[in-house]
C-alpha atoms as a PDB file:
ATOM      1  CA  MET A   1     144.783 270.860 202.602  1.00  0.00           C
ATOM      2  CA  SER A   2     144.818 272.685 198.901  1.00  0.00           C
ATOM      3  CA  THR A   3     144.531 270.594 195.401  1.00  0.00           C
ATOM      4  CA  SER A   4     148.261 271.416 194.611  1.00  0.00           C
ATOM      5  CA  ALA A   5     149.369 269.965 198.122  1.00  0.00           C
ATOM      6  CA  LEU A   6     147.784 266.799 197.573  1.00  0.00           C
ATOM      7  CA  LEU A   7     149.105 266.307 193.823  1.00  0.00           C
ATOM      8  CA  ALA A   8     152.522 267.433 194.843  1.00  0.00           C
ATOM      9  CA  PRO A   9     154.083 263.611 196.048  1.00  0.00           C
ATOM     10  CA  LEU A  10     152.536 262.500 192.638  1.00  0.00           C
ATOM     11  CA  ALA A  11     154.379 265.009 190.442  1.00  0.00           C
ATOM     12  CA  GLU A  12     157.530 264.241 192.448  1.00  0.00           C
ATOM     13  CA  ASN A  13     157.698 260.657 192.196  1.00  0.00           C
ATOM     14  CA  ALA A  14     156.928 260.910 188.400  1.00  0.00           C
ATOM     15  CA  SER A  15     160.002 262.718 187.766  1.00  0.00           C
ATOM     16  CA  GLY A  16     162.304 259.569 189.280  1.00  0.00           C
ATOM     17  CA  PHE A  17     161.001 257.221 186.428  1.00  0.00           C
ATOM     18  CA  GLY A  18     163.631 255.651 183.822  1.00  0.00           C
ATOM     19  CA  GLN A  19     164.272 257.434 180.562  1.00  0.00           C
ATOM     20  CA  GLU A  20     163.087 254.819 178.193  1.00  0.00           C
ATOM     21  CA  ASN A  21     159.598 254.556 179.578  1.00  0.00           C
ATOM     22  CA  ARG A  22     159.293 258.367 180.640  1.00  0.00           C
ATOM     23  CA  SER A  23     157.082 259.624 177.637  1.00  0.00           C
ATOM     24  CA  PRO A  24     154.213 256.608 178.173  1.00  0.00           C
ATOM     25  CA  ARG A  25     154.152 256.789 182.095  1.00  0.00           C
ATOM     26  CA  ARG A  26     154.271 260.765 182.007  1.00  0.00           C
ATOM     27  CA  SER A  27     151.096 260.492 179.818  1.00  0.00           C
ATOM     28  CA  GLY A  28     149.599 258.246 182.074  1.00  0.00           C
ATOM     29  CA  LEU A  29     150.457 259.896 185.374  1.00  0.00           C
ATOM     30  CA  LYS A  30     148.928 263.098 183.637  1.00  0.00           C
ATOM     31  CA  LEU A  31     145.535 261.240 182.988  1.00  0.00           C
ATOM     32  CA  ARG A  32     145.520 259.890 186.804  1.00  0.00           C
ATOM     33  CA  LEU A  33     146.183 263.336 187.770  1.00  0.00           C
ATOM     34  CA  ARG A  34     143.272 264.503 185.955  1.00  0.00           C
ATOM     35  CA  CYS A  35     140.885 261.968 187.208  1.00  0.00           C
ATOM     36  CA  ILE A  36     141.976 263.043 190.673  1.00  0.00           C
ATOM     37  CA  GLN A  37     141.514 266.719 189.935  1.00  0.00           C
ATOM     38  CA  SER A  38     137.950 265.950 188.281  1.00  0.00           C
ATOM     39  CA  ALA A  39     136.866 263.935 191.674  1.00  0.00           C
ATOM     40  CA  LEU A  40     138.045 266.643 193.928  1.00  0.00           C
ATOM     41  CA  ARG A  41     135.955 269.391 192.170  1.00  0.00           C
ATOM     42  CA  GLY A  42     133.108 266.746 191.339  1.00  0.00           C
ATOM     43  CA  THR A  43     129.477 267.861 192.805  1.00  0.00           C
ATOM     44  CA  PRO A  44     129.133 266.285 195.806  1.00  0.00           C
ATOM     45  CA  GLU A  45     125.870 264.550 195.086  1.00  0.00           C
ATOM     46  CA  ALA A  46     125.090 261.611 197.124  1.00  0.00           C
ATOM     47  CA  ALA A  47     123.607 258.119 196.197  1.00  0.00           C
ATOM     48  CA  GLY A  48     120.506 258.992 198.026  1.00  0.00           C
ATOM     49  CA  SER A  49     119.890 262.210 196.720  1.00  0.00           C
ATOM     50  CA  PRO A  50     116.645 262.572 194.685  1.00  0.00           C
ATOM     51  CA  GLY A  51     118.194 262.356 191.376  1.00  0.00           C
ATOM     52  CA  PHE A  52     119.610 258.684 192.049  1.00  0.00           C
ATOM     53  CA  ASN A  53     117.459 255.668 190.951  1.00  0.00           C
ATOM     54  CA  SER A  54     117.447 253.093 194.150  1.00  0.00           C
ATOM     55  CA  ILE A  55     116.577 250.160 191.857  1.00  0.00           C
ATOM     56  CA  ALA A  56     119.137 251.216 189.055  1.00  0.00           C
ATOM     57  CA  GLY A  57     121.912 251.752 191.425  1.00  0.00           C
ATOM     58  CA  ARG A  58     121.857 248.037 192.954  1.00  0.00           C
ATOM     59  CA  LYS A  59     121.282 244.651 191.759  1.00  0.00           C
ATOM     60  CA  ARG A  60     117.457 243.776 191.607  1.00  0.00           C
ATOM     61  CA  THR A  61     116.114 241.141 193.413  1.00  0.00           C
ATOM     62  CA  ALA A  62     114.071 238.207 191.482  1.00  0.00           C
ATOM     63  CA  ALA A  63     110.601 239.728 192.560  1.00  0.00           C
ATOM     64  CA  GLU A  64     111.681 243.076 190.661  1.00  0.00           C
ATOM     65  CA  VAL A  65     113.029 241.486 187.845  1.00  0.00           C
ATOM     66  CA  VAL A  66     110.384 239.181 187.115  1.00  0.00           C
ATOM     67  CA  PRO A  67     106.881 240.199 187.369  1.00  0.00           C
ATOM     68  CA  ASP A  68     104.479 237.819 188.643  1.00  0.00           C
ATOM     69  CA  ASP A  69     102.300 236.486 185.879  1.00  0.00           C
ATOM     70  CA  GLY A  70      99.378 235.324 187.914  1.00  0.00           C
ATOM     71  CA  ASP A  71      97.573 231.760 188.170  1.00  0.00           C
ATOM     72  CA  ASP A  72      96.266 230.677 184.780  1.00  0.00           C
ATOM     73  CA  THR A  73      93.145 228.785 185.630  1.00  0.00           C
ATOM     74  CA  ASP A  74      91.282 228.430 182.102  1.00  0.00           C
ATOM     75  CA  SER A  75      89.061 225.390 182.358  1.00  0.00           C
ATOM     76  CA  ASP A  76      89.288 224.592 178.674  1.00  0.00           C
ATOM     77  CA  ILE A  77      93.015 223.909 178.123  1.00  0.00           C
ATOM     78  CA  GLU A  78      95.208 221.259 179.540  1.00  0.00           C
ATOM     79  CA  LEU A  79      98.059 220.750 181.714  1.00  0.00           C
ATOM     80  CA  PHE A  80     101.750 221.474 181.046  1.00  0.00           C
ATOM     81  CA  PRO A  81     104.886 221.713 183.561  1.00  0.00           C
ATOM     82  CA  THR A  82     106.592 224.837 184.460  1.00  0.00           C
ATOM     83  CA  MET A  83     110.487 224.940 183.684  1.00  0.00           C
ATOM     84  CA  PRO A  84     112.721 225.401 186.317  1.00  0.00           C
ATOM     85  CA  ARG A  85     114.766 229.086 185.990  1.00  0.00           C
ATOM     86  CA  GLY A  86     117.824 228.777 184.001  1.00  0.00           C
ATOM     87  CA  HIS A  87     116.567 226.215 181.579  1.00  0.00           C
ATOM     88  CA  LYS A  88     115.483 227.447 178.069  1.00  0.00           C
ATOM     89  CA  ALA A  89     112.036 225.862 177.721  1.00  0.00           C
ATOM     90  CA  PRO A  90     111.067 224.466 174.462  1.00  0.00           C
ATOM     91  CA  ARG A  91     108.899 226.847 172.523  1.00  0.00           C
ATOM     92  CA  ARG A  92     105.364 225.658 172.320  1.00  0.00           C
ATOM     93  CA  PRO A  93     102.245 226.766 170.445  1.00  0.00           C
ATOM     94  CA  THR A  94      99.816 228.932 172.284  1.00  0.00           C
ATOM     95  CA  ILE A  95      96.973 226.420 171.560  1.00  0.00           C
ATOM     96  CA  ALA A  96      97.074 224.133 168.490  1.00  0.00           C
ATOM     97  CA  ASN A  97      95.078 221.342 167.037  1.00  0.00           C
ATOM     98  CA  GLY A  98      93.216 221.067 170.056  1.00  0.00           C
ATOM     99  CA  MET A  99      89.614 220.244 170.141  1.00  0.00           C
ATOM    100  CA  LYS A 100      86.709 222.751 171.288  1.00  0.00           C
ATOM    101  CA  ARG A 101      84.801 221.015 174.257  1.00  0.00           C
ATOM    102  CA  ASN A 102      81.435 220.644 172.270  1.00  0.00           C
ATOM    103  CA  ALA A 103      83.546 218.803 169.639  1.00  0.00           C
ATOM    104  CA  ARG A 104      84.636 216.471 172.142  1.00  0.00           C
ATOM    105  CA  ILE A 105      81.004 215.380 173.368  1.00  0.00           C
ATOM    106  CA  VAL A 106      79.652 212.198 171.942  1.00  0.00           C
ATOM    107  CA  ASP A 107      76.137 212.248 170.441  1.00  0.00           C
ATOM    108  CA  VAL A 108      74.225 208.814 171.072  1.00  0.00           C
ATOM    109  CA  ASN A 109      71.785 209.841 168.699  1.00  0.00           C
ATOM    110  CA  ASN A 110      74.572 210.131 165.801  1.00  0.00           C
ATOM    111  CA  PRO A 111      74.979 206.755 164.070  1.00  0.00           C
ATOM    112  CA  GLU A 112      78.548 207.734 163.397  1.00  0.00           C
ATOM    113  CA  HIS A 113      79.186 208.076 166.851  1.00  0.00           C
ATOM    114  CA  THR A 114      77.416 204.948 168.066  1.00  0.00           C
ATOM    115  CA  MET A 115      79.531 203.063 165.813  1.00  0.00           C
ATOM    116  CA  LEU A 116      82.618 204.854 167.460  1.00  0.00           C
ATOM    117  CA  ILE A 117      81.310 203.648 171.005  1.00  0.00           C
ATOM    118  CA  ALA A 118      80.879 200.241 169.978  1.00  0.00           C
ATOM    119  CA  GLY A 119      84.433 199.989 168.810  1.00  0.00           C
ATOM    120  CA  ALA A 120      85.780 201.663 171.608  1.00  0.00           C
ATOM    121  CA  ILE A 121      88.298 199.993 174.274  1.00  0.00           C
ATOM    122  CA  LYS A 122      86.144 199.946 177.583  1.00  0.00           C
ATOM    123  CA  VAL A 123      88.038 200.605 180.729  1.00  0.00           C
ATOM    124  CA  GLY A 124      87.771 197.208 182.848  1.00  0.00           C
ATOM    125  CA  VAL A 125      87.058 196.095 186.456  1.00  0.00           C
ATOM    126  CA  ASP A 126      90.559 197.006 187.459  1.00  0.00           C
ATOM    127  CA  TYR A 127      89.197 200.623 187.758  1.00  0.00           C
ATOM    128  CA  TYR A 128      85.812 199.562 189.407  1.00  0.00           C
ATOM    129  CA  ASN A 129      82.986 197.133 188.094  1.00  0.00           C
ATOM    130  CA  SER A 130      80.625 199.621 186.358  1.00  0.00           C
ATOM    131  CA  ASP A 131      77.760 196.786 186.810  1.00  0.00           C
ATOM    132  CA  ALA A 132      78.132 195.935 190.488  1.00  0.00           C
ATOM    133  CA  GLU A 133      76.089 197.491 192.846  1.00  0.00           C
ATOM    134  CA  ASP A 134      76.999 200.567 195.013  1.00  0.00           C
ATOM    135  CA  LEU A 135      78.783 200.325 198.531  1.00  0.00           C
ATOM    136  CA  PRO A 136      76.353 201.537 201.288  1.00  0.00           C
ATOM    137  CA  GLY A 137      76.077 205.034 202.363  1.00  0.00           C
ATOM    138  CA  ASP A 138      77.468 207.942 200.395  1.00  0.00           C
ATOM    139  CA  VAL A 139      80.645 208.646 198.891  1.00  0.00           C
ATOM    140  CA  LYS A 140      83.272 210.690 200.901  1.00  0.00           C
ATOM    141  CA  ASP A 141      85.216 213.797 200.242  1.00  0.00           C
ATOM    142  CA  THR A 142      82.420 215.610 198.255  1.00  0.00           C
ATOM    143  CA  ASN A 143      79.862 218.121 199.133  1.00  0.00           C
ATOM    144  CA  LYS A 144      77.381 216.709 196.708  1.00  0.00           C
ATOM    145  CA  PRO A 145      77.299 213.133 197.307  1.00  0.00           C
ATOM    146  CA  HIS A 146      74.155 212.703 195.448  1.00  0.00           C
ATOM    147  CA  LEU A 147      75.875 213.100 192.387  1.00  0.00           C
ATOM    148  CA  PHE A 148      78.257 210.274 192.524  1.00  0.00           C
ATOM    149  CA  ARG A 149      78.191 206.461 193.126  1.00  0.00           C
ATOM    150  CA  ASN A 150      80.067 204.938 196.102  1.00  0.00           C
ATOM    151  CA  VAL A 151      81.718 201.882 194.123  1.00  0.00           C
ATOM    152  CA  ASN A 152      84.239 199.429 195.168  1.00  0.00           C
ATOM    153  CA  TRP A 153      87.538 200.511 193.491  1.00  0.00           C
ATOM    154  CA  GLY A 154      89.512 197.433 191.676  1.00  0.00           C
ATOM    155  CA  THR A 155      93.061 196.847 191.756  1.00  0.00           C
ATOM    156  CA  ARG A 156      94.504 199.776 189.875  1.00  0.00           C
ATOM    157  CA  ALA A 157      93.315 202.347 192.566  1.00  0.00           C
ATOM    158  CA  THR A 158      96.034 200.550 194.855  1.00  0.00           C
ATOM    159  CA  ASP A 159      98.716 199.484 192.403  1.00  0.00           C
ATOM    160  CA  PHE A 160     101.816 201.483 192.816  1.00  0.00           C
ATOM    161  CA  SER A 161     104.106 198.759 191.074  1.00  0.00           C
ATOM    162  CA  ASN A 162     104.298 200.698 187.136  1.00  0.00           C
ATOM    163  CA  ASP A 163     106.609 203.457 187.800  1.00  0.00           C
ATOM    164  CA  ALA A 164     105.581 205.053 184.348  1.00  0.00           C
ATOM    165  CA  ASP A 165     101.962 205.854 185.841  1.00  0.00           C
ATOM    166  CA  PHE A 166     103.639 207.860 188.355  1.00  0.00           C
ATOM    167  CA  SER A 167     104.746 210.820 186.298  1.00  0.00           C
ATOM    168  CA  ASN A 168     105.512 214.137 187.772  1.00  0.00           C
ATOM    169  CA  GLU A 169     104.325 215.892 184.902  1.00  0.00           C
ATOM    170  CA  PRO A 170     100.802 214.202 184.535  1.00  0.00           C
ATOM    171  CA  GLU A 171      98.959 215.139 181.536  1.00  0.00           C
ATOM    172  CA  PHE A 172      95.031 215.705 182.377  1.00  0.00           C
ATOM    173  CA  ARG A 173      92.291 215.997 179.628  1.00  0.00           C
ATOM    174  CA  GLN A 174      89.232 217.521 181.322  1.00  0.00           C
ATOM    175  CA  PHE A 175      85.980 215.417 181.545  1.00  0.00           C
ATOM    176  CA  VAL A 176      82.992 216.605 179.061  1.00  0.00           C
ATOM    177  CA  PRO A 177      79.307 215.059 179.643  1.00  0.00           C
ATOM    178  CA  GLY A 178      79.066 211.540 178.403  1.00  0.00           C
ATOM    179  CA  ARG A 179      80.911 208.299 179.305  1.00  0.00           C
ATOM    180  CA  PHE A 180      82.848 208.400 176.223  1.00  0.00           C
ATOM    181  CA  GLU A 181      84.759 211.467 174.668  1.00  0.00           C
ATOM    182  CA  ILE A 182      85.886 212.244 171.014  1.00  0.00           C
ATOM    183  CA  LEU A 183      89.773 212.671 170.698  1.00  0.00           C
ATOM    184  CA  PRO A 184      91.339 214.615 167.717  1.00  0.00           C
ATOM    185  CA  ASP A 185      92.682 211.483 166.082  1.00  0.00           C
ATOM    186  CA  GLY A 186      88.596 210.387 165.092  1.00  0.00           C
ATOM    187  CA  THR A 187      88.571 207.676 168.046  1.00  0.00           C
ATOM    188  CA  VAL A 188      86.459 207.669 171.197  1.00  0.00           C
ATOM    189  CA  ALA A 189      88.066 207.136 174.656  1.00  0.00           C
ATOM    190  CA  ASP A 190      86.455 206.406 178.110  1.00  0.00           C
ATOM    191  CA  GLN A 191      86.496 208.491 180.519  1.00  0.00           C
ATOM    192  CA  LYS A 192      86.173 206.162 183.205  1.00  0.00           C
ATOM    193  CA  ALA A 193      90.069 205.977 182.603  1.00  0.00           C
ATOM    194  CA  LYS A 194      90.517 209.619 183.879  1.00  0.00           C
ATOM    195  CA  LEU A 195      88.863 208.997 187.392  1.00  0.00           C
ATOM    196  CA  ILE A 196      91.793 207.518 188.920  1.00  0.00           C
ATOM    197  CA  VAL A 197      94.585 209.966 189.017  1.00  0.00           C
ATOM    198  CA  LYS A 198      98.376 208.922 189.586  1.00  0.00           C
ATOM    199  CA  LEU A 199     101.350 211.154 189.975  1.00  0.00           C
ATOM    200  CA  THR A 200     104.563 211.406 191.988  1.00  0.00           C
ATOM    201  CA  ASP A 201     104.319 214.745 193.840  1.00  0.00           C
ATOM    202  CA  LYS A 202     107.063 217.426 194.902  1.00  0.00           C
ATOM    203  CA  ASN A 203     108.353 215.125 197.736  1.00  0.00           C
ATOM    204  CA  GLY A 204     109.168 212.225 195.145  1.00  0.00           C
ATOM    205  CA  ALA A 205     106.332 210.042 196.707  1.00  0.00           C
ATOM    206  CA  LYS A 206     103.891 208.164 194.573  1.00  0.00           C
ATOM    207  CA  ARG A 207     100.190 209.250 195.038  1.00  0.00           C
ATOM    208  CA  ILE A 208      97.130 207.714 193.753  1.00  0.00           C
ATOM    209  CA  PHE A 209      93.870 209.610 194.120  1.00  0.00           C
ATOM    210  CA  THR A 210      90.319 208.324 193.266  1.00  0.00           C
ATOM    211  CA  ASN A 211      87.413 210.131 191.973  1.00  0.00           C
ATOM    212  CA  PRO A 212      83.808 208.996 192.163  1.00  0.00           C
ATOM    213  CA  PRO A 213      82.191 208.227 189.081  1.00  0.00           C
ATOM    214  CA  PRO A 214      79.083 210.123 188.289  1.00  0.00           C
ATOM    215  CA  ARG A 215      75.553 208.605 188.499  1.00  0.00           C
ATOM    216  CA  ASP A 216      74.878 210.273 185.568  1.00  0.00           C
ATOM    217  CA  TRP A 217      77.565 211.080 183.111  1.00  0.00           C
ATOM    218  CA  LYS A 218      75.488 213.697 181.102  1.00  0.00           C
ATOM    219  CA  ASN A 219      75.044 215.583 184.478  1.00  0.00           C
ATOM    220  CA  GLN A 220      77.047 219.016 184.206  1.00  0.00           C
ATOM    221  CA  ASP A 221      77.353 219.649 187.886  1.00  0.00           C
ATOM    222  CA  ALA A 222      78.870 216.137 188.137  1.00  0.00           C
ATOM    223  CA  ILE A 223      81.230 217.068 185.595  1.00  0.00           C
ATOM    224  CA  THR A 224      82.380 220.305 186.674  1.00  0.00           C
ATOM    225  CA  ALA A 225      82.823 218.538 190.381  1.00  0.00           C
ATOM    226  CA  LEU A 226      84.928 216.145 188.776  1.00  0.00           C
ATOM    227  CA  ASN A 227      87.221 218.698 186.949  1.00  0.00           C
ATOM    228  CA  LYS A 228      87.876 220.806 189.751  1.00  0.00           C
ATOM    229  CA  ARG A 229      88.542 217.894 192.266  1.00  0.00           C
ATOM    230  CA  ALA A 230      91.136 216.350 189.511  1.00  0.00           C
ATOM    231  CA  VAL A 231      92.789 219.642 188.814  1.00  0.00           C
ATOM    232  CA  GLN A 232      93.406 220.614 192.445  1.00  0.00           C
ATOM    233  CA  GLN A 233      94.992 217.136 192.803  1.00  0.00           C
ATOM    234  CA  ILE A 234      97.523 217.569 190.438  1.00  0.00           C
ATOM    235  CA  ARG A 235      98.217 221.400 191.058  1.00  0.00           C
ATOM    236  CA  ARG A 236      98.531 221.111 194.919  1.00  0.00           C
ATOM    237  CA  ASN A 237     101.014 218.083 194.509  1.00  0.00           C
ATOM    238  CA  THR A 238     103.005 219.093 191.397  1.00  0.00           C
ATOM    239  CA  ASN A 239     104.508 221.943 189.652  1.00  0.00           C
ATOM    240  CA  VAL A 240     102.277 221.621 186.763  1.00  0.00           C
ATOM    241  CA  ARG A 241     100.105 224.283 185.627  1.00  0.00           C
ATOM    242  CA  PHE A 242      97.462 224.961 182.932  1.00  0.00           C
ATOM    243  CA  ARG A 243      99.086 225.723 179.441  1.00  0.00           C
ATOM    244  CA  GLU A 244      97.914 224.169 176.216  1.00  0.00           C
ATOM    245  CA  VAL A 245      95.747 221.198 174.594  1.00  0.00           C
ATOM    246  CA  VAL A 246      97.489 218.117 174.470  1.00  0.00           C
ATOM    247  CA  GLN A 247      97.941 217.405 170.701  1.00  0.00           C
ATOM    248  CA  ALA A 248      97.074 213.800 169.236  1.00  0.00           C
ATOM    249  CA  TYR A 249     100.005 211.917 167.704  1.00  0.00           C
ATOM    250  CA  VAL A 250     100.183 212.437 164.000  1.00  0.00           C
ATOM    251  CA  PRO A 251     101.162 209.553 161.409  1.00  0.00           C
ATOM    252  CA  GLU A 252     104.844 210.588 160.909  1.00  0.00           C
ATOM    253  CA  GLU A 253     105.303 210.418 164.874  1.00  0.00           C
ATOM    254  CA  ARG A 254     103.542 207.011 164.978  1.00  0.00           C
ATOM    255  CA  ARG A 255     105.656 205.762 162.022  1.00  0.00           C
ATOM    256  CA  TRP A 256     108.975 206.925 164.277  1.00  0.00           C
ATOM    257  CA  ILE A 257     107.449 205.070 167.545  1.00  0.00           C
ATOM    258  CA  LEU A 258     106.841 201.535 165.364  1.00  0.00           C
ATOM    259  CA  ALA A 259     110.286 201.727 164.022  1.00  0.00           C
ATOM    260  CA  ASN A 260     111.876 202.130 167.468  1.00  0.00           C
ATOM    261  CA  LEU A 261     109.831 199.459 169.079  1.00  0.00           C
ATOM    262  CA  THR A 262     110.741 195.691 169.361  1.00  0.00           C
ATOM    263  CA  ASN A 263     108.227 193.494 170.634  1.00  0.00           C
ATOM    264  CA  GLY A 264     105.917 196.263 171.537  1.00  0.00           C
ATOM    265  CA  LYS A 265     108.717 197.921 173.709  1.00  0.00           C
ATOM    266  CA  PRO A 266     111.347 200.762 173.169  1.00  0.00           C
ATOM    267  CA  THR A 267     114.411 199.137 171.415  1.00  0.00           C
ATOM    268  CA  LYS A 268     116.931 201.190 173.443  1.00  0.00           C
ATOM    269  CA  GLY A 269     114.792 201.460 176.694  1.00  0.00           C
ATOM    270  CA  TRP A 270     112.220 204.351 177.626  1.00  0.00           C
ATOM    271  CA  LYS A 271     114.585 206.973 178.683  1.00  0.00           C
ATOM    272  CA  THR A 272     116.642 206.825 175.147  1.00  0.00           C
ATOM    273  CA  PHE A 273     113.424 206.398 173.396  1.00  0.00           C
ATOM    274  CA  VAL A 274     111.737 209.631 174.878  1.00  0.00           C
ATOM    275  CA  LYS A 275     114.920 211.521 174.309  1.00  0.00           C
ATOM    276  CA  GLU A 276     115.208 210.421 170.794  1.00  0.00           C
ATOM    277  CA  PHE A 277     111.644 211.178 169.940  1.00  0.00           C
ATOM    278  CA  ASN A 278     111.747 214.453 171.042  1.00  0.00           C
ATOM    279  CA  GLU A 279     114.887 215.189 169.184  1.00  0.00           C
ATOM    280  CA  ALA A 280     113.218 214.032 166.404  1.00  0.00           C
ATOM    281  CA  PHE A 281     109.634 215.858 166.314  1.00  0.00           C
ATOM    282  CA  ALA A 282     109.628 218.562 169.620  1.00  0.00           C
ATOM    283  CA  GLY A 283     109.619 222.160 168.035  1.00  0.00           C
ATOM    284  CA  LYS A 284     109.324 220.963 164.476  1.00  0.00           C
ATOM    285  CA  VAL A 285     106.592 222.255 162.031  1.00  0.00           C
ATOM    286  CA  LEU A 286     105.763 219.189 160.087  1.00  0.00           C
ATOM    287  CA  ARG A 287     103.981 218.883 156.548  1.00  0.00           C
ATOM    288  CA  GLY A 288     100.576 220.074 156.451  1.00  0.00           C
ATOM    289  CA  MET A 289     100.825 221.006 160.332  1.00  0.00           C
ATOM    290  CA  GLU A 290     100.377 224.983 161.145  1.00  0.00           C
ATOM    291  CA  ALA A 291     101.852 224.800 164.504  1.00  0.00           C
ATOM    292  CA  ALA A 292     105.143 223.320 166.022  1.00  0.00           C
ATOM    293  CA  ARG A 293     104.969 219.661 167.495  1.00  0.00           C
ATOM    294  CA  PRO A 294     104.893 219.542 171.257  1.00  0.00           C
ATOM    295  CA  VAL A 295     107.444 218.021 173.690  1.00  0.00           C
ATOM    296  CA  ARG A 296     106.119 214.610 174.701  1.00  0.00           C
ATOM    297  CA  SER A 297     106.607 213.504 178.442  1.00  0.00           C
ATOM    298  CA  HIS A 298     107.443 209.659 179.541  1.00  0.00           C
ATOM    299  CA  SER A 299     104.016 209.553 180.495  1.00  0.00           C
ATOM    300  CA  SER A 300     102.471 210.603 177.140  1.00  0.00           C
ATOM    301  CA  LEU A 301     104.496 208.294 175.288  1.00  0.00           C
ATOM    302  CA  THR A 302     103.786 205.282 177.492  1.00  0.00           C
ATOM    303  CA  LYS A 303     100.121 205.846 176.963  1.00  0.00           C
ATOM    304  CA  GLU A 304     100.506 206.216 173.371  1.00  0.00           C
ATOM    305  CA  VAL A 305     102.326 202.729 173.239  1.00  0.00           C
ATOM    306  CA  GLU A 306     100.135 200.852 175.290  1.00  0.00           C
ATOM    307  CA  ARG A 307      96.827 202.132 173.994  1.00  0.00           C
ATOM    308  CA  PHE A 308      97.656 201.088 170.548  1.00  0.00           C
ATOM    309  CA  GLY A 309     100.195 198.250 171.224  1.00  0.00           C
ATOM    310  CA  PRO A 310      98.229 195.370 171.138  1.00  0.00           C
ATOM    311  CA  ASP A 311      96.354 195.853 167.939  1.00  0.00           C
ATOM    312  CA  TRP A 312      98.813 197.784 166.102  1.00  0.00           C
ATOM    313  CA  TYR A 313     102.461 198.224 167.156  1.00  0.00           C
ATOM    314  CA  SER A 314     102.939 194.867 168.301  1.00  0.00           C
ATOM    315  CA  LYS A 315     101.792 193.579 165.071  1.00  0.00           C
ATOM    316  CA  GLY A 316     104.354 195.811 163.192  1.00  0.00           C
ATOM    317  CA  LEU A 317     101.239 198.271 162.170  1.00  0.00           C
ATOM    318  CA  VAL A 318     101.015 201.897 162.229  1.00  0.00           C
ATOM    319  CA  PRO A 319      97.665 203.119 164.102  1.00  0.00           C
ATOM    320  CA  VAL A 320      95.206 204.728 161.628  1.00  0.00           C
ATOM    321  CA  PRO A 321      92.630 205.714 164.118  1.00  0.00           C
ATOM    322  CA  THR A 322      89.704 206.167 161.466  1.00  0.00           C
ATOM    323  CA  LYS A 323      86.028 205.927 161.919  1.00  0.00           C
ATOM    324  CA  LYS A 324      86.038 202.482 160.099  1.00  0.00           C
ATOM    325  CA  GLY A 325      89.110 201.351 161.909  1.00  0.00           C
ATOM    326  CA  ARG A 326      91.262 200.646 158.834  1.00  0.00           C
ATOM    327  CA  LYS A 327      94.465 199.528 159.076  1.00  0.00           C
ATOM    328  CA  GLU A 328      97.486 200.213 157.011  1.00  0.00           C
END
């Protein structure tokens, strides 16, 4: 059938419209007629022809839209959770205010470090009794049993009662040689506390992992093995991946914490406490700081309050962890 034959019914139908609308509708019909004519005269290039972009011509799949960023396994940086798609993640610095591995190692021949150890809070027998004799036989679940002690674990290794201990976004600061490590705030911490890993897994179940203490805390092979074990436990059971060094709390943050505690506990409850703390600090660059402050998890704030609660926060004092232990 010819083009004129196809268009004839449209032309005849156009003559029947009312007078008051004739001019506008006639223009609209002319436009429609031109479109139809153009379509009939157009080139018959099909969608599957060589000139067609097969990806651009349809909605891309998620695999095409988002490239695979690989698996970050940098052993010198810390853990941060991934954010679900569709939610804008708070911007965090790549690595800020983090300490190099060597800077975290305590030198027992350094008098200042010796003083720090003497004033440090030692982890108790609720983890395990360091002075007790080892259990008979080799420690299990390791291919290097000669490097580790087979200890009788304390009550903390079986205590599921405190929900705050079981984060689905657990933080982990990797082991360094030596029983104690230097923290960014100038204090030292007992690495014995990191041997028990508590978390909530992807299915919502609470999990406890015990990692055997090394016979020699200065043995690098034992330290490396401990780091691999702890990282695997967190990776396999949560959505956490390695991102950046955990930043120490600064005085401004600690003053805010103190102002929002009553009898050593959050005045408005933990949920509100965590939310309002991040609203006050997360993503902001404080005076004297080069990088923005990080988002703090429930677990992180709990550890901060519990660590300095007895000697500082509960007494109405802002922690000032100096080498001499000065209080303000």
